[in-house]
Each structure stands twice: as structure tokens, then as C-alpha cells.
N, C-alpha and C. Protein backbone atom coordinates (compact mmCIF):
# COMPACT_ATOMS: atom_id res chain seq x y z
N MET A 1 0.96 -1.23 0.06
CA MET A 1 -0.17 0.17 -0.04
C MET A 1 1.00 0.83 0.02
N LYS A 2 1.85 1.25 0.42
CA LYS A 2 2.70 2.39 1.01
C LYS A 2 3.39 2.46 -0.16
N LEU A 3 3.55 1.57 -1.09
CA LEU A 3 4.39 1.44 -2.69
C LEU A 3 3.58 2.36 -3.55
N LEU A 4 2.18 2.02 -3.40
CA LEU A 4 1.47 2.14 -4.47
C LEU A 4 0.85 4.06 -4.30
N LEU A 5 1.00 4.31 -3.10
CA LEU A 5 0.74 5.70 -2.27
C LEU A 5 2.19 6.39 -3.35
N ILE A 6 3.36 6.08 -2.85
CA ILE A 6 4.43 6.81 -3.57
C ILE A 6 4.33 6.76 -5.07
N ALA A 7 4.28 5.82 -5.38
CA ALA A 7 3.81 5.62 -7.02
C ALA A 7 3.10 6.68 -7.71
N SER A 8 2.11 6.87 -7.03
CA SER A 8 1.07 7.40 -7.42
C SER A 8 1.25 9.04 -7.28
N LEU A 9 1.97 9.60 -5.76
CA LEU A 9 2.33 10.74 -5.84
C LEU A 9 3.40 10.97 -6.79
N PHE A 10 4.39 10.22 -7.14
CA PHE A 10 5.40 10.62 -7.91
C PHE A 10 4.94 10.97 -9.30
N LEU A 11 4.00 9.96 -10.09
CA LEU A 11 3.40 10.12 -10.87
C LEU A 11 2.71 11.39 -11.03
N SER A 12 1.73 11.88 -10.16
CA SER A 12 1.26 12.72 -10.29
C SER A 12 1.67 14.44 -10.01
N THR A 13 2.79 14.37 -9.41
CA THR A 13 3.43 15.28 -9.48
C THR A 13 4.55 15.59 -10.75
N ASN A 14 4.66 14.56 -11.37
CA ASN A 14 5.68 14.58 -12.62
C ASN A 14 4.28 15.22 -13.97
N LEU A 15 3.20 14.74 -13.74
CA LEU A 15 1.97 15.39 -14.53
C LEU A 15 1.84 16.72 -14.27
N LEU A 16 1.73 17.22 -12.97
CA LEU A 16 1.38 18.09 -12.53
C LEU A 16 2.61 19.41 -13.26
N PHE A 17 3.64 19.23 -12.93
CA PHE A 17 4.68 19.95 -13.02
C PHE A 17 5.24 19.62 -14.69
N SER A 18 5.09 18.96 -15.59
CA SER A 18 5.31 18.83 -16.82
C SER A 18 5.17 19.87 -17.71
N GLN A 19 5.66 20.30 -18.70
CA GLN A 19 5.28 21.27 -19.83
C GLN A 19 4.88 20.29 -21.09
N PRO A 20 3.84 21.27 -21.94
CA PRO A 20 3.56 20.37 -22.84
C PRO A 20 4.58 20.66 -24.02
N ILE A 21 4.48 19.53 -24.97
CA ILE A 21 5.33 19.62 -26.18
C ILE A 21 5.55 20.32 -27.19
N LYS A 22 6.48 21.20 -27.38
CA LYS A 22 6.17 22.15 -28.38
C LYS A 22 6.55 21.24 -29.56
N PRO A 23 5.54 21.79 -30.91
CA PRO A 23 6.10 21.49 -32.12
C PRO A 23 7.70 22.03 -32.43
N LEU A 24 8.55 21.29 -33.31
CA LEU A 24 9.86 21.89 -33.47
C LEU A 24 9.49 22.72 -34.83
N GLN A 25 10.18 23.84 -34.58
CA GLN A 25 9.78 24.66 -35.72
C GLN A 25 11.12 24.90 -36.39
N LYS A 26 11.03 25.30 -37.40
CA LYS A 26 11.98 25.44 -38.84
C LYS A 26 13.05 26.48 -38.36
N PRO A 27 14.25 26.14 -38.15
CA PRO A 27 15.19 27.89 -37.90
C PRO A 27 14.64 28.87 -38.78
N ILE A 28 15.29 30.02 -38.59
CA ILE A 28 15.24 31.41 -39.32
C ILE A 28 16.62 31.37 -39.78
N ILE A 29 16.65 31.08 -41.06
CA ILE A 29 18.03 31.32 -41.67
C ILE A 29 17.42 32.98 -42.48
N LYS A 30 18.50 33.77 -42.04
CA LYS A 30 18.50 35.30 -42.24
C LYS A 30 19.73 35.33 -43.22
N THR A 31 19.85 36.07 -44.48
CA THR A 31 20.70 36.19 -45.16
C THR A 31 21.69 37.46 -45.06
N ILE A 32 22.98 37.26 -44.54
CA ILE A 32 23.58 38.55 -44.43
C ILE A 32 24.02 38.98 -45.55
N LEU A 33 23.56 40.35 -46.27
CA LEU A 33 24.53 40.85 -47.08
C LEU A 33 25.21 41.94 -46.60
N PRO A 34 26.50 41.75 -47.68
CA PRO A 34 27.50 42.58 -47.36
C PRO A 34 27.04 44.25 -48.04
N ALA A 35 27.73 45.11 -47.05
CA ALA A 35 27.48 46.30 -47.78
C ALA A 35 27.18 46.73 -49.29
N ALA A 36 27.98 46.22 -49.86
CA ALA A 36 28.58 46.31 -51.35
C ALA A 36 26.98 45.87 -52.16
N ASN A 37 26.47 44.86 -51.24
CA ASN A 37 25.48 44.02 -52.29
C ASN A 37 23.78 44.99 -52.16
N GLN A 38 24.28 46.29 -50.81
CA GLN A 38 22.64 46.67 -50.64
C GLN A 38 22.70 48.24 -51.57
N LEU A 39 22.87 48.11 -52.85
CA LEU A 39 22.86 49.59 -53.85
C LEU A 39 21.77 50.36 -53.60
N SER A 40 20.47 49.75 -53.24
CA SER A 40 19.42 50.64 -52.77
C SER A 40 19.52 51.20 -51.99
N GLU A 41 20.11 51.19 -51.00
CA GLU A 41 20.61 51.72 -49.70
C GLU A 41 21.58 53.11 -49.79
N TYR A 42 22.45 52.84 -50.63
CA TYR A 42 23.62 53.83 -50.70
C TYR A 42 23.64 54.53 -52.19
N LEU A 43 23.00 53.87 -53.08
CA LEU A 43 23.27 54.52 -54.44
C LEU A 43 22.28 55.58 -54.78
N PRO A 44 21.62 56.26 -54.14
CA PRO A 44 20.69 57.53 -54.20
C PRO A 44 21.70 58.28 -53.81
N MET A 45 22.52 58.36 -52.46
CA MET A 45 23.43 59.47 -51.92
C MET A 45 24.57 59.82 -52.53
N LEU A 46 24.75 58.31 -53.39
CA LEU A 46 26.39 59.00 -54.40
C LEU A 46 26.06 59.47 -55.81
N LYS A 47 24.68 59.35 -56.20
CA LYS A 47 24.46 60.24 -57.53
C LYS A 47 24.69 61.70 -57.55
N GLY A 48 25.47 62.41 -58.74
CA GLY A 48 26.01 63.40 -58.77
C GLY A 48 27.06 63.69 -57.95
N LYS A 49 27.45 63.06 -57.21
CA LYS A 49 28.97 63.14 -56.25
C LYS A 49 30.27 62.92 -56.68
N ARG A 50 31.25 63.31 -56.31
CA ARG A 50 32.49 62.65 -56.88
C ARG A 50 32.83 61.53 -55.60
N VAL A 51 33.16 60.28 -55.96
CA VAL A 51 33.08 59.41 -54.94
C VAL A 51 34.48 59.03 -54.97
N GLY A 52 35.37 58.53 -53.58
CA GLY A 52 36.74 57.71 -53.22
C GLY A 52 36.12 56.42 -52.87
N ILE A 53 36.62 55.45 -53.22
CA ILE A 53 36.17 54.07 -53.05
C ILE A 53 37.37 53.57 -52.11
N PHE A 54 37.43 52.98 -50.78
CA PHE A 54 38.54 52.09 -50.01
C PHE A 54 38.05 51.01 -50.14
N ALA A 55 38.72 50.04 -50.83
CA ALA A 55 38.23 48.92 -51.33
C ALA A 55 39.67 47.91 -51.61
N ASN A 56 39.24 46.47 -51.42
CA ASN A 56 40.01 45.49 -51.94
C ASN A 56 39.43 44.80 -52.89
N HIS A 57 40.14 43.52 -53.51
CA HIS A 57 39.33 42.66 -54.41
C HIS A 57 37.89 41.72 -53.88
N THR A 58 37.99 41.85 -52.82
CA THR A 58 36.90 41.00 -52.39
C THR A 58 35.79 42.25 -52.26
N ALA A 59 35.61 43.39 -52.46
CA ALA A 59 34.44 44.31 -52.66
C ALA A 59 33.92 43.62 -53.92
N THR A 60 33.26 42.78 -53.51
CA THR A 60 32.31 42.46 -55.07
C THR A 60 30.72 42.64 -54.82
N ILE A 61 30.24 42.54 -56.18
CA ILE A 61 28.50 42.85 -56.04
C ILE A 61 28.48 41.23 -57.35
N GLY A 62 28.03 40.28 -56.62
CA GLY A 62 28.61 38.83 -57.42
C GLY A 62 29.72 38.65 -57.77
N SER A 63 29.94 38.68 -59.05
CA SER A 63 31.60 38.62 -59.42
C SER A 63 31.85 39.42 -60.24
N THR A 64 31.79 40.66 -59.88
CA THR A 64 32.02 41.64 -60.69
C THR A 64 32.34 42.84 -59.62
N HIS A 65 33.38 43.68 -59.77
CA HIS A 65 34.18 44.58 -58.59
C HIS A 65 33.01 45.89 -58.31
N LEU A 66 32.79 46.27 -56.92
CA LEU A 66 32.32 47.44 -56.72
C LEU A 66 32.08 48.53 -57.61
N VAL A 67 33.60 48.81 -57.67
CA VAL A 67 34.04 50.02 -58.40
C VAL A 67 33.35 49.93 -60.35
N ASP A 68 33.55 48.81 -60.88
CA ASP A 68 33.36 48.84 -62.24
C ASP A 68 31.44 48.62 -61.90
N THR A 69 30.87 48.27 -60.99
CA THR A 69 29.59 48.02 -60.97
C THR A 69 28.90 49.48 -60.98
N LEU A 70 29.41 50.24 -59.88
CA LEU A 70 29.73 51.71 -59.71
C LEU A 70 29.51 52.71 -60.80
N GLN A 71 30.42 52.31 -61.58
CA GLN A 71 31.01 52.86 -62.71
C GLN A 71 29.55 52.52 -64.07
N LYS A 72 29.63 51.79 -63.94
CA LYS A 72 28.52 51.13 -65.23
C LYS A 72 27.00 52.05 -64.81
N LEU A 73 26.88 52.26 -63.48
CA LEU A 73 25.52 52.45 -62.83
C LEU A 73 25.58 54.39 -63.10
N GLY A 74 26.78 54.89 -63.36
CA GLY A 74 26.79 56.23 -63.63
C GLY A 74 27.71 56.85 -62.28
N ILE A 75 28.28 56.20 -61.55
CA ILE A 75 28.58 56.91 -60.54
C ILE A 75 30.11 57.53 -60.68
N LYS A 76 30.46 58.50 -60.59
CA LYS A 76 31.79 59.44 -60.77
C LYS A 76 32.73 58.67 -59.76
N ILE A 77 33.73 58.04 -59.82
CA ILE A 77 34.38 57.43 -59.28
C ILE A 77 35.78 58.16 -59.18
N THR A 78 36.39 59.07 -58.62
CA THR A 78 37.52 59.95 -59.10
C THR A 78 39.00 59.38 -58.41
N LYS A 79 38.47 58.38 -57.24
CA LYS A 79 39.93 57.79 -56.63
C LYS A 79 39.56 56.41 -56.36
N ALA A 80 40.55 55.56 -55.75
CA ALA A 80 40.46 54.29 -55.26
C ALA A 80 41.94 54.14 -54.34
N PHE A 81 41.23 53.85 -52.87
CA PHE A 81 42.35 53.35 -52.40
C PHE A 81 42.38 51.81 -51.82
N GLY A 82 43.71 51.63 -52.13
CA GLY A 82 43.72 50.02 -52.40
C GLY A 82 44.89 49.70 -50.94
N PRO A 83 44.74 48.68 -49.84
CA PRO A 83 45.01 48.10 -48.91
C PRO A 83 46.59 47.26 -49.53
N GLU A 84 46.85 46.37 -48.56
CA GLU A 84 48.05 45.45 -48.71
C GLU A 84 48.01 44.78 -49.87
N HIS A 85 46.94 43.90 -50.43
CA HIS A 85 47.52 43.25 -51.63
C HIS A 85 46.76 43.83 -52.95
N GLY A 86 46.52 45.16 -52.73
CA GLY A 86 46.27 46.05 -54.23
C GLY A 86 44.89 46.11 -54.30
N PHE A 87 44.07 47.00 -55.37
CA PHE A 87 42.75 47.11 -55.10
C PHE A 87 42.33 46.32 -55.69
N ARG A 88 42.65 45.36 -56.86
CA ARG A 88 42.17 44.66 -57.25
C ARG A 88 42.79 42.85 -56.80
N GLY A 89 43.51 43.23 -56.07
CA GLY A 89 44.21 41.55 -55.19
C GLY A 89 45.12 41.32 -56.08
N THR A 90 45.88 42.00 -56.66
CA THR A 90 46.86 41.23 -57.65
C THR A 90 48.82 41.00 -57.14
N ALA A 91 48.52 41.99 -55.94
CA ALA A 91 49.97 41.96 -55.26
C ALA A 91 50.12 40.91 -54.16
N ASP A 92 51.16 40.33 -53.98
CA ASP A 92 51.45 39.13 -52.92
C ASP A 92 51.56 40.26 -51.60
N ALA A 93 51.31 39.03 -50.67
CA ALA A 93 51.34 39.42 -49.25
C ALA A 93 52.62 40.33 -48.65
N GLY A 94 52.78 41.58 -48.57
CA GLY A 94 54.04 42.10 -47.81
C GLY A 94 54.89 42.58 -49.29
N GLU A 95 54.30 42.63 -50.50
CA GLU A 95 54.77 43.42 -51.45
C GLU A 95 54.49 44.91 -51.40
N LYS A 96 55.29 46.09 -51.58
CA LYS A 96 55.29 46.89 -51.61
C LYS A 96 54.38 47.45 -53.26
N VAL A 97 53.74 48.15 -52.41
CA VAL A 97 52.44 48.64 -54.42
C VAL A 97 52.85 50.02 -53.99
N ASP A 98 52.94 50.42 -54.87
CA ASP A 98 53.16 51.92 -55.59
C ASP A 98 51.68 52.49 -55.90
N ASN A 99 51.17 53.85 -56.16
CA ASN A 99 50.27 53.91 -56.87
C ASN A 99 50.02 53.98 -58.06
N TYR A 100 48.93 53.85 -58.78
CA TYR A 100 48.95 53.11 -60.40
C TYR A 100 47.60 53.81 -60.65
N ILE A 101 47.47 53.78 -62.46
CA ILE A 101 46.02 54.07 -62.78
C ILE A 101 45.87 52.31 -62.86
N ASP A 102 44.23 52.41 -62.62
CA ASP A 102 43.68 51.05 -62.71
C ASP A 102 43.39 51.14 -64.22
N LYS A 103 43.81 49.67 -65.02
CA LYS A 103 43.62 49.75 -66.29
C LYS A 103 42.34 49.32 -66.85
N THR A 104 41.76 48.69 -65.96
CA THR A 104 40.31 48.30 -65.90
C THR A 104 39.25 49.84 -66.41
N THR A 105 39.61 50.69 -65.24
CA THR A 105 38.73 51.88 -65.01
C THR A 105 39.32 53.18 -65.46
N GLY A 106 40.62 53.38 -65.53
CA GLY A 106 41.40 54.32 -65.58
C GLY A 106 41.13 55.13 -64.23
N ILE A 107 41.03 54.58 -63.17
CA ILE A 107 40.80 55.42 -62.27
C ILE A 107 42.51 55.40 -61.17
N PRO A 108 42.42 56.65 -60.84
CA PRO A 108 43.93 56.68 -60.12
C PRO A 108 43.56 55.70 -58.58
N VAL A 109 44.81 55.21 -58.46
CA VAL A 109 44.55 54.04 -57.03
C VAL A 109 45.59 54.43 -56.07
N ILE A 110 45.41 55.05 -55.16
CA ILE A 110 46.45 55.16 -54.18
C ILE A 110 46.80 54.26 -53.52
N SER A 111 47.86 53.85 -53.55
CA SER A 111 48.19 52.43 -52.38
C SER A 111 48.35 52.92 -51.00
N LEU A 112 47.92 52.46 -50.16
CA LEU A 112 47.92 52.44 -48.73
C LEU A 112 48.92 51.28 -48.16
N TYR A 113 49.51 50.63 -49.11
CA TYR A 113 50.68 49.90 -48.68
C TYR A 113 52.08 50.06 -49.18
N GLY A 114 51.74 51.24 -49.48
CA GLY A 114 53.81 52.03 -49.88
C GLY A 114 54.32 52.82 -49.24
N LYS A 115 54.56 54.07 -49.49
CA LYS A 115 54.66 55.04 -49.15
C LYS A 115 53.67 55.53 -47.77
N LYS A 116 52.60 55.80 -48.49
CA LYS A 116 51.50 56.19 -47.70
C LYS A 116 50.76 55.34 -46.71
N ARG A 117 50.31 55.23 -45.75
CA ARG A 117 49.55 54.35 -45.33
C ARG A 117 48.11 54.96 -44.66
N LYS A 118 47.96 56.25 -45.13
CA LYS A 118 46.64 56.53 -44.99
C LYS A 118 45.95 57.46 -46.08
N PRO A 119 44.78 57.71 -46.44
CA PRO A 119 44.40 58.76 -47.71
C PRO A 119 44.70 59.85 -47.13
């Protein structure tokens, strides 16, 4: 009898304090977009302005460099500033990169990994 009372007390306590089972939800997956891919956010601010770009070879929209895309959209890019591997990523690690004119766009590129280390 004592065992039956303890067992029923144990089962009733478990039933009283148990929580209902919640159905599994699919995880919410949000895509994080780099700033370069959010043209609608910043393109209106660039229209009619002279623009300088600080970027490296990873600043792309799809497989096209940000500067190439902006130029095609009519944005006047006057200078580009490039870090260690150069603006288009063609320099080796640690290699000194001088200022140059970008062959694709004709834009002057100021190297920040040569004599100057800031714009």
C-alpha cells in the first residue's frame, strides 16, 4: 500500500509540473548581405557626387568589382584607395604597392601599402 501511494504521488507530481511538448520549428535563416550588395541603400546618396572608394578585391557584387558596377551605373569615381594586396588583389602579401592607374577603369589608385599608409 505504501509503495502504491508513493508511486501515485510521484506520477501525479510529474504530470502536474511537466510542460507540454512544443512542435519543432524550422530555424529562421536570414541572409546577411555585405554593404556592397545593398545598392538601393546607398546609390541615391552617390548620384551626382565625386566618390572615392577604399576597397580591396573582395568588394564585389556577384563576381563584379564594386567600382566596375558603380561606374556602369553612372557614379563618378575619382580615386580608389587600396590596402595590402592592392585594389584588385594582384599583389603578393607584403609586396610594396605603388600608386597606379587602374587598367580596367582608368581611375587613379592610391596605395595604402606603399609610402603612404592613410588617405
